[in-house]
N, C-alpha and C. Protein backbone atom coordinates (compact mmCIF):
# COMPACT_ATOMS: atom_id res chain seq x y z
N MET A 1 0.53 -1.29 0.12
CA MET A 1 -0.31 -0.12 0.05
C MET A 1 0.68 1.45 0.13
N SER A 2 0.23 2.58 -0.37
CA SER A 2 1.19 3.42 -0.75
C SER A 2 1.00 4.17 0.76
N ASP A 3 2.16 5.31 1.10
CA ASP A 3 1.66 6.02 2.41
C ASP A 3 0.12 6.51 2.10
N SER A 4 0.31 7.47 2.91
CA SER A 4 -0.99 8.29 3.05
C SER A 4 -0.87 8.80 3.53
N ALA A 5 -1.76 9.92 4.03
CA ALA A 5 -2.17 10.99 4.84
C ALA A 5 -2.53 10.71 5.64
N ARG A 6 -3.94 9.88 5.93
CA ARG A 6 -4.97 9.63 6.96
C ARG A 6 -4.04 9.15 8.22
N GLU A 7 -4.44 9.43 8.97
CA GLU A 7 -3.96 8.96 10.11
C GLU A 7 -4.97 7.93 10.66
N PHE A 8 -4.93 7.07 11.74
CA PHE A 8 -5.37 6.32 12.46
C PHE A 8 -5.65 6.37 13.99
N ALA A 9 -6.79 5.58 14.85
CA ALA A 9 -6.77 5.98 16.28
C ALA A 9 -5.70 5.02 16.35
N PRO A 10 -5.22 5.55 17.62
CA PRO A 10 -3.87 4.57 18.14
C PRO A 10 -4.90 2.94 18.74
N ALA A 11 -6.23 3.00 18.75
CA ALA A 11 -6.92 1.86 19.13
C ALA A 11 -7.25 0.95 17.99
N ILE A 12 -7.03 1.53 16.89
CA ILE A 12 -7.98 0.49 15.92
C ILE A 12 -6.57 -0.13 15.12
N VAL A 13 -5.66 1.08 14.94
CA VAL A 13 -4.71 1.13 14.93
C VAL A 13 -3.71 -0.33 15.40
N GLU A 14 -3.48 -1.12 16.78
CA GLU A 14 -3.46 -1.59 18.20
C GLU A 14 -4.06 -3.32 17.64
N LEU A 15 -5.54 -2.73 17.29
CA LEU A 15 -6.99 -3.56 16.76
C LEU A 15 -6.17 -4.69 15.76
N GLY A 16 -5.97 -3.63 14.54
CA GLY A 16 -5.32 -4.20 13.30
C GLY A 16 -3.68 -4.72 13.60
N GLU A 17 -2.97 -4.51 13.70
CA GLU A 17 -1.77 -5.23 14.29
C GLU A 17 -2.34 -6.86 14.77
N LYS A 18 -2.95 -6.80 16.29
CA LYS A 18 -3.31 -7.53 16.85
C LYS A 18 -4.19 -8.90 15.84
N ILE A 19 -5.09 -8.42 14.73
CA ILE A 19 -5.32 -8.94 13.42
C ILE A 19 -4.48 -9.43 12.56
N VAL A 20 -3.49 -8.59 11.85
CA VAL A 20 -2.55 -8.77 11.45
C VAL A 20 -1.97 -10.62 12.08
N ALA A 21 -1.18 -10.13 13.19
CA ALA A 21 -0.66 -11.27 14.35
C ALA A 21 -1.14 -12.65 14.05
N LEU A 22 -2.58 -12.68 14.03
CA LEU A 22 -3.04 -13.93 14.15
C LEU A 22 -3.04 -14.72 13.20
N THR A 23 -2.05 -16.63 14.15
CA THR A 23 -2.46 -17.52 13.38
C THR A 23 -3.01 -17.89 12.73
N LEU A 24 -3.27 -18.93 11.88
CA LEU A 24 -4.90 -19.15 11.00
C LEU A 24 -5.37 -20.14 11.76
N LYS A 25 -4.99 -20.55 13.20
CA LYS A 25 -6.35 -21.02 13.82
C LYS A 25 -6.99 -20.52 14.63
N ASP A 26 -6.41 -19.09 15.33
CA ASP A 26 -6.74 -17.78 16.07
C ASP A 26 -7.94 -17.04 15.37
N ALA A 27 -7.18 -16.92 14.05
CA ALA A 27 -8.33 -16.51 13.04
C ALA A 27 -9.67 -17.01 12.58
N LYS A 28 -9.59 -17.95 12.24
CA LYS A 28 -10.40 -19.30 12.59
C LYS A 28 -11.21 -18.76 13.73
N ALA A 29 -10.54 -19.38 15.25
CA ALA A 29 -11.89 -19.15 16.14
C ALA A 29 -12.25 -17.24 16.56
N LEU A 30 -11.50 -16.36 15.37
CA LEU A 30 -12.20 -15.46 15.77
C LEU A 30 -13.46 -14.99 14.93
N SER A 31 -12.92 -15.92 13.50
CA SER A 31 -14.44 -15.38 12.85
C SER A 31 -15.86 -16.74 13.57
N ASP A 32 -15.52 -17.90 14.07
CA ASP A 32 -16.10 -18.13 14.02
C ASP A 32 -17.19 -17.94 15.28
N TYR A 33 -16.18 -17.26 16.58
CA TYR A 33 -16.72 -16.12 17.94
C TYR A 33 -17.69 -14.84 17.53
N LEU A 34 -17.22 -14.35 15.74
CA LEU A 34 -17.71 -13.37 15.64
C LEU A 34 -19.20 -13.29 15.12
N GLU A 35 -19.56 -14.84 14.69
CA GLU A 35 -20.03 -14.84 14.37
C GLU A 35 -21.09 -15.97 14.89
N GLU A 36 -20.56 -16.93 16.04
CA GLU A 36 -21.99 -18.12 16.73
C GLU A 36 -22.28 -16.52 17.76
N VAL A 37 -21.40 -16.00 18.73
CA VAL A 37 -21.63 -15.31 19.47
C VAL A 37 -22.79 -13.18 19.00
N HIS A 38 -21.92 -13.35 17.98
CA HIS A 38 -22.63 -11.69 18.15
C HIS A 38 -23.02 -11.63 16.43
N GLY A 39 -23.42 -13.02 15.66
CA GLY A 39 -24.04 -12.48 14.85
C GLY A 39 -23.22 -12.25 13.20
N ILE A 40 -22.44 -11.76 13.40
CA ILE A 40 -21.49 -11.56 12.81
C ILE A 40 -20.41 -12.23 11.66
N LYS A 41 -21.03 -12.20 10.23
CA LYS A 41 -20.53 -13.23 9.41
C LYS A 41 -19.58 -11.83 8.35
N ALA A 42 -18.10 -13.17 7.49
CA ALA A 42 -17.27 -12.51 7.05
C ALA A 42 -17.50 -12.30 5.38
N ALA A 43 -17.65 -11.14 5.45
CA ALA A 43 -18.08 -10.97 4.04
C ALA A 43 -17.61 -12.23 2.98
N ALA A 44 -17.46 -12.58 1.51
CA ALA A 44 -17.26 -12.62 0.34
C ALA A 44 -15.37 -12.93 0.48
N GLY A 45 -15.16 -11.11 0.31
CA GLY A 45 -14.13 -11.19 0.39
C GLY A 45 -13.33 -10.73 1.95
N GLY A 46 -13.67 -10.71 2.71
CA GLY A 46 -13.20 -10.87 3.96
C GLY A 46 -11.98 -11.56 4.28
N ALA A 47 -10.82 -11.92 3.45
CA ALA A 47 -10.44 -12.83 3.59
C ALA A 47 -8.93 -12.24 4.30
N VAL A 48 -9.35 -11.43 4.85
CA VAL A 48 -8.08 -10.27 5.26
C VAL A 48 -8.32 -11.07 6.77
N VAL A 49 -8.72 -11.31 7.67
CA VAL A 49 -9.20 -11.20 9.20
C VAL A 49 -8.69 -12.92 8.66
N MET A 50 -9.11 -13.99 8.09
CA MET A 50 -8.50 -14.98 7.78
C MET A 50 -7.02 -15.24 6.98
N ALA A 51 -6.57 -13.70 6.83
CA ALA A 51 -5.21 -14.27 5.87
C ALA A 51 -4.49 -14.78 6.82
N ALA A 52 -3.21 -15.72 6.60
CA ALA A 52 -2.15 -16.15 6.95
C ALA A 52 -0.72 -15.22 7.40
N PRO A 53 -0.63 -15.50 7.98
CA PRO A 53 1.12 -14.63 8.07
C PRO A 53 2.21 -14.64 7.15
N ALA A 54 2.81 -13.35 7.27
CA ALA A 54 4.05 -14.25 5.37
C ALA A 54 4.61 -15.53 5.69
N GLY A 55 4.70 -16.05 4.59
CA GLY A 55 5.48 -17.02 4.51
C GLY A 55 4.65 -17.81 4.79
N GLY A 56 3.28 -17.59 5.36
CA GLY A 56 2.27 -18.92 5.97
C GLY A 56 1.23 -19.59 4.92
N ALA A 57 1.72 -19.94 3.62
CA ALA A 57 1.01 -20.04 2.06
C ALA A 57 0.79 -21.38 2.56
N ASP A 58 -0.09 -22.01 3.60
CA ASP A 58 0.17 -23.25 3.60
C ASP A 58 -1.39 -23.70 3.58
N GLY A 59 -2.01 -23.34 2.83
CA GLY A 59 -3.25 -23.30 2.69
C GLY A 59 -4.93 -22.21 3.24
N GLY A 60 -3.74 -21.58 3.11
CA GLY A 60 -4.12 -20.17 4.42
C GLY A 60 -5.70 -20.01 2.99
N ALA A 61 -5.87 -19.78 1.85
CA ALA A 61 -6.77 -19.11 1.13
C ALA A 61 -7.83 -20.61 1.50
N ALA A 62 -7.62 -21.74 1.49
CA ALA A 62 -9.02 -22.10 1.74
C ALA A 62 -9.29 -22.15 3.42
N ALA A 63 -8.66 -21.89 3.84
CA ALA A 63 -8.99 -21.94 5.32
C ALA A 63 -9.99 -20.21 5.32
N ALA A 64 -10.38 -19.01 4.39
CA ALA A 64 -10.08 -17.80 4.63
C ALA A 64 -11.86 -17.86 3.77
N GLU A 65 -11.66 -19.04 3.38
CA GLU A 65 -13.28 -18.91 2.23
C GLU A 65 -14.04 -19.70 3.49
N GLU A 66 -15.40 -18.34 3.81
CA GLU A 66 -16.20 -17.93 4.54
C GLU A 66 -17.53 -19.55 3.79
N LYS A 67 -17.65 -20.15 4.53
CA LYS A 67 -19.23 -20.66 3.89
C LYS A 67 -20.44 -19.81 3.87
N THR A 68 -21.16 -19.56 3.00
CA THR A 68 -21.54 -18.31 2.87
C THR A 68 -23.28 -19.37 2.35
N GLU A 69 -23.34 -20.76 1.70
CA GLU A 69 -24.67 -21.32 1.05
C GLU A 69 -24.02 -22.76 1.51
N PHE A 70 -25.59 -23.27 2.32
CA PHE A 70 -25.72 -24.85 2.53
C PHE A 70 -26.82 -25.73 2.22
N ASP A 71 -26.10 -26.66 2.50
CA ASP A 71 -27.68 -27.80 1.56
C ASP A 71 -28.39 -28.57 2.61
N VAL A 72 -29.96 -28.12 2.82
CA VAL A 72 -30.75 -29.07 3.85
C VAL A 72 -30.54 -30.03 3.44
N VAL A 73 -29.92 -31.48 4.36
CA VAL A 73 -30.13 -33.10 3.75
C VAL A 73 -30.77 -33.60 5.39
N LEU A 74 -32.31 -34.18 4.65
CA LEU A 74 -32.91 -35.12 5.22
C LEU A 74 -32.86 -36.46 5.53
N GLU A 75 -32.18 -36.43 6.62
CA GLU A 75 -30.79 -37.64 7.05
C GLU A 75 -32.66 -39.50 7.55
N SER A 76 -33.76 -38.62 7.74
CA SER A 76 -34.45 -39.30 8.57
C SER A 76 -35.58 -39.16 8.67
N PHE A 77 -36.85 -39.86 8.44
CA PHE A 77 -37.71 -38.76 8.29
C PHE A 77 -38.79 -39.59 9.98
N GLY A 78 -37.76 -39.78 10.64
CA GLY A 78 -38.77 -40.41 11.91
C GLY A 78 -39.94 -41.71 12.25
N GLU A 79 -40.83 -41.58 12.96
CA GLU A 79 -42.20 -41.50 13.21
C GLU A 79 -43.36 -41.05 12.28
N LYS A 80 -42.92 -39.86 12.39
CA LYS A 80 -44.08 -38.92 11.66
C LYS A 80 -43.52 -38.60 10.11
N LYS A 81 -43.59 -39.67 8.99
CA LYS A 81 -43.16 -39.97 7.73
C LYS A 81 -44.35 -38.39 6.70
N LEU A 82 -45.99 -39.17 7.20
CA LEU A 82 -46.72 -37.69 6.59
C LEU A 82 -46.60 -36.04 7.40
N ASP A 83 -46.10 -36.13 8.32
CA ASP A 83 -45.70 -34.55 8.38
C ASP A 83 -45.23 -34.57 7.95
N VAL A 84 -43.53 -35.24 7.71
CA VAL A 84 -42.63 -35.03 7.21
C VAL A 84 -42.36 -34.76 5.21
N ILE A 85 -43.58 -35.00 4.52
CA ILE A 85 -43.98 -35.12 3.26
C ILE A 85 -44.07 -33.79 3.57
N LYS A 86 -45.53 -33.20 4.37
CA LYS A 86 -46.41 -31.99 4.31
C LYS A 86 -44.79 -31.08 4.21
N GLU A 87 -44.11 -30.99 5.38
CA GLU A 87 -43.08 -30.37 5.96
C GLU A 87 -42.23 -30.21 4.25
N VAL A 88 -41.94 -31.16 3.35
CA VAL A 88 -41.29 -30.87 2.50
C VAL A 88 -41.82 -30.35 0.99
N ARG A 89 -43.46 -30.25 1.32
CA ARG A 89 -43.92 -29.45 0.17
C ARG A 89 -44.47 -28.05 0.50
N GLN A 90 -44.40 -27.65 2.17
CA GLN A 90 -44.47 -26.23 2.25
C GLN A 90 -42.55 -25.51 1.77
N ALA A 91 -41.38 -25.92 2.03
CA ALA A 91 -39.91 -26.20 1.79
C ALA A 91 -39.89 -26.19 0.73
N VAL A 92 -40.28 -26.67 -0.24
CA VAL A 92 -39.87 -26.99 -1.50
C VAL A 92 -40.98 -26.03 -2.55
N ALA A 93 -40.89 -25.32 -2.64
CA ALA A 93 -41.78 -24.66 -3.64
C ALA A 93 -41.89 -25.78 -4.99
N GLY A 94 -43.28 -25.75 -5.62
CA GLY A 94 -43.50 -26.42 -6.59
C GLY A 94 -43.46 -27.59 -6.22
N ILE A 95 -43.28 -28.45 -5.56
CA ILE A 95 -43.61 -29.87 -5.30
C ILE A 95 -44.53 -30.61 -5.44
N SER A 96 -44.10 -31.93 -5.73
CA SER A 96 -46.05 -32.37 -6.09
C SER A 96 -45.75 -33.16 -4.55
N LEU A 97 -46.91 -33.99 -4.16
CA LEU A 97 -47.30 -34.73 -3.29
C LEU A 97 -45.97 -36.17 -3.37
N GLY A 98 -46.39 -36.82 -4.91
CA GLY A 98 -45.69 -38.17 -4.73
C GLY A 98 -44.49 -38.02 -4.82
N ASP A 99 -43.95 -36.43 -5.46
CA ASP A 99 -42.33 -36.30 -5.73
C ASP A 99 -41.69 -36.24 -4.20
N ALA A 100 -42.87 -35.55 -2.97
CA ALA A 100 -41.68 -35.50 -1.83
C ALA A 100 -42.34 -36.76 -0.83
N LYS A 101 -43.06 -37.07 -1.13
CA LYS A 101 -43.38 -38.75 -1.15
C LYS A 101 -41.97 -39.43 -1.13
N LYS A 102 -41.87 -39.22 -2.56
CA LYS A 102 -40.31 -39.66 -3.19
C LYS A 102 -39.16 -39.55 -2.42
N LEU A 103 -38.51 -37.85 -2.13
CA LEU A 103 -37.59 -37.65 -1.90
C LEU A 103 -37.47 -38.34 -0.56
N VAL A 104 -38.37 -37.96 0.23
CA VAL A 104 -38.99 -38.50 2.18
C VAL A 104 -38.28 -40.10 2.08
N GLU A 105 -38.97 -41.07 1.18
CA GLU A 105 -38.92 -42.20 1.46
C GLU A 105 -37.49 -42.21 1.18
N GLU A 106 -37.05 -41.73 0.60
CA GLU A 106 -35.16 -41.65 -1.15
C GLU A 106 -34.41 -41.14 0.47
N ALA A 107 -34.01 -41.18 1.78
CA ALA A 107 -33.14 -40.05 2.32
C ALA A 107 -32.56 -40.79 2.76
N PRO A 108 -30.90 -40.94 2.39
CA PRO A 108 -31.34 -38.92 2.81
C PRO A 108 -31.31 -38.29 1.54
N SER A 109 -31.60 -37.40 1.69
CA SER A 109 -31.73 -36.72 0.59
C SER A 109 -31.95 -35.07 0.62
N ASN A 110 -31.21 -34.70 -0.89
CA ASN A 110 -31.33 -32.90 -0.21
C ASN A 110 -32.54 -32.16 -0.05
N ILE A 111 -32.52 -31.77 0.63
CA ILE A 111 -34.10 -30.44 0.28
C ILE A 111 -34.33 -29.62 0.00
N LYS A 112 -33.24 -28.76 0.33
CA LYS A 112 -32.82 -27.36 -0.33
C LYS A 112 -31.06 -27.37 -0.48
N THR A 113 -30.61 -26.86 -1.92
CA THR A 113 -29.09 -26.46 -1.66
C THR A 113 -29.02 -24.59 -1.27
N GLY A 114 -27.86 -24.67 -1.93
CA GLY A 114 -27.64 -23.03 -1.71
C GLY A 114 -28.64 -21.99 -0.74
N VAL A 115 -29.10 -22.37 0.85
CA VAL A 115 -29.89 -21.80 0.59
C VAL A 115 -28.98 -20.65 1.32
N SER A 116 -28.43 -19.62 2.57
CA SER A 116 -28.43 -19.59 3.57
C SER A 116 -28.30 -19.74 4.72
N LYS A 117 -27.88 -19.25 5.77
CA LYS A 117 -27.40 -20.19 6.75
C LYS A 117 -29.04 -20.25 7.96
N GLU A 118 -29.39 -18.75 8.34
CA GLU A 118 -30.22 -18.76 8.47
C GLU A 118 -31.24 -19.19 7.91
N GLU A 119 -31.90 -19.30 6.90
CA GLU A 119 -32.72 -20.81 5.69
C GLU A 119 -32.05 -21.93 6.58
N ALA A 120 -31.39 -22.83 6.05
CA ALA A 120 -30.55 -23.88 6.70
C ALA A 120 -31.22 -23.47 8.38
N GLN A 121 -31.37 -22.90 8.79
CA GLN A 121 -31.47 -23.22 10.45
C GLN A 121 -33.42 -23.45 10.52
N LYS A 122 -33.85 -22.89 9.98
CA LYS A 122 -35.21 -22.72 10.06
C LYS A 122 -35.72 -23.55 9.85
N LEU A 123 -35.27 -23.71 7.91
CA LEU A 123 -35.97 -25.16 8.16
C LEU A 123 -35.77 -26.64 8.48
N LYS A 124 -34.28 -27.01 9.50
CA LYS A 124 -33.97 -27.74 10.07
C LYS A 124 -34.95 -27.73 11.76
N GLU A 125 -35.44 -26.46 12.08
CA GLU A 125 -36.23 -26.35 13.10
C GLU A 125 -37.35 -27.13 12.86
N ALA A 126 -38.11 -26.64 11.87
CA ALA A 126 -39.22 -26.93 11.01
C ALA A 126 -38.83 -28.44 10.83
N PHE A 127 -38.73 -29.08 10.66
CA PHE A 127 -37.97 -30.40 10.40
C PHE A 127 -38.31 -31.29 11.83
N GLU A 128 -37.77 -30.72 12.44
CA GLU A 128 -37.25 -31.77 13.83
C GLU A 128 -38.62 -31.92 14.48
N LYS A 129 -39.15 -30.56 14.40
CA LYS A 129 -40.45 -30.26 15.19
C LYS A 129 -41.90 -31.87 15.04
N VAL A 130 -41.72 -32.25 13.53
CA VAL A 130 -42.56 -33.15 13.03
C VAL A 130 -41.59 -34.45 13.29
N GLY A 131 -40.47 -34.30 13.56
CA GLY A 131 -39.94 -35.87 14.32
C GLY A 131 -38.72 -36.86 12.90
N ALA A 132 -38.48 -35.36 12.21
CA ALA A 132 -37.17 -35.47 10.76
C ALA A 132 -35.76 -35.15 12.10
N LYS A 133 -34.55 -35.73 10.88
CA LYS A 133 -33.60 -36.03 11.95
C LYS A 133 -33.26 -34.52 9.93
N ILE A 134 -32.20 -33.72 9.92
CA ILE A 134 -31.70 -33.25 9.25
C ILE A 134 -30.39 -32.59 9.77
N ALA A 135 -29.97 -32.45 8.59
CA ALA A 135 -28.19 -32.21 8.54
C ALA A 135 -28.15 -30.76 7.67
N ILE A 136 -27.57 -29.88 8.74
CA ILE A 136 -27.18 -28.90 7.09
C ILE A 136 -25.03 -28.70 7.01
N LYS A 137 -25.34 -29.18 5.91
CA LYS A 137 -23.56 -28.99 5.26
C LYS A 137 -23.14 -27.65 4.45
């Protein structure tokens, strides 16, 4: 970066230096903490927080990528198969009753793919209420 006339508050400089000095393991832990405790997700271009220190290019790029799309997978339908079929019909727009039944009977099967973490969690909760076992991948 070029030198600029912009000055930063000492607290910001101190925080920035601490972030840059993080190991990959610590950066991942920080990312997890911010997401789980404060609901702050790293943006797709937010690899700066996860960047490896100089000379640490041992897969740092892979660790820097934050997953933003999730798949909701029906692992098993439990004892209330009919209720689970109804949930599938609600979750998947335009699916027929026959297709929903087939999807449930062929578990494990993808219910939805490429959804946000929040949507995946809502779907998981809805399916678990009717006794289904759901995985978010």
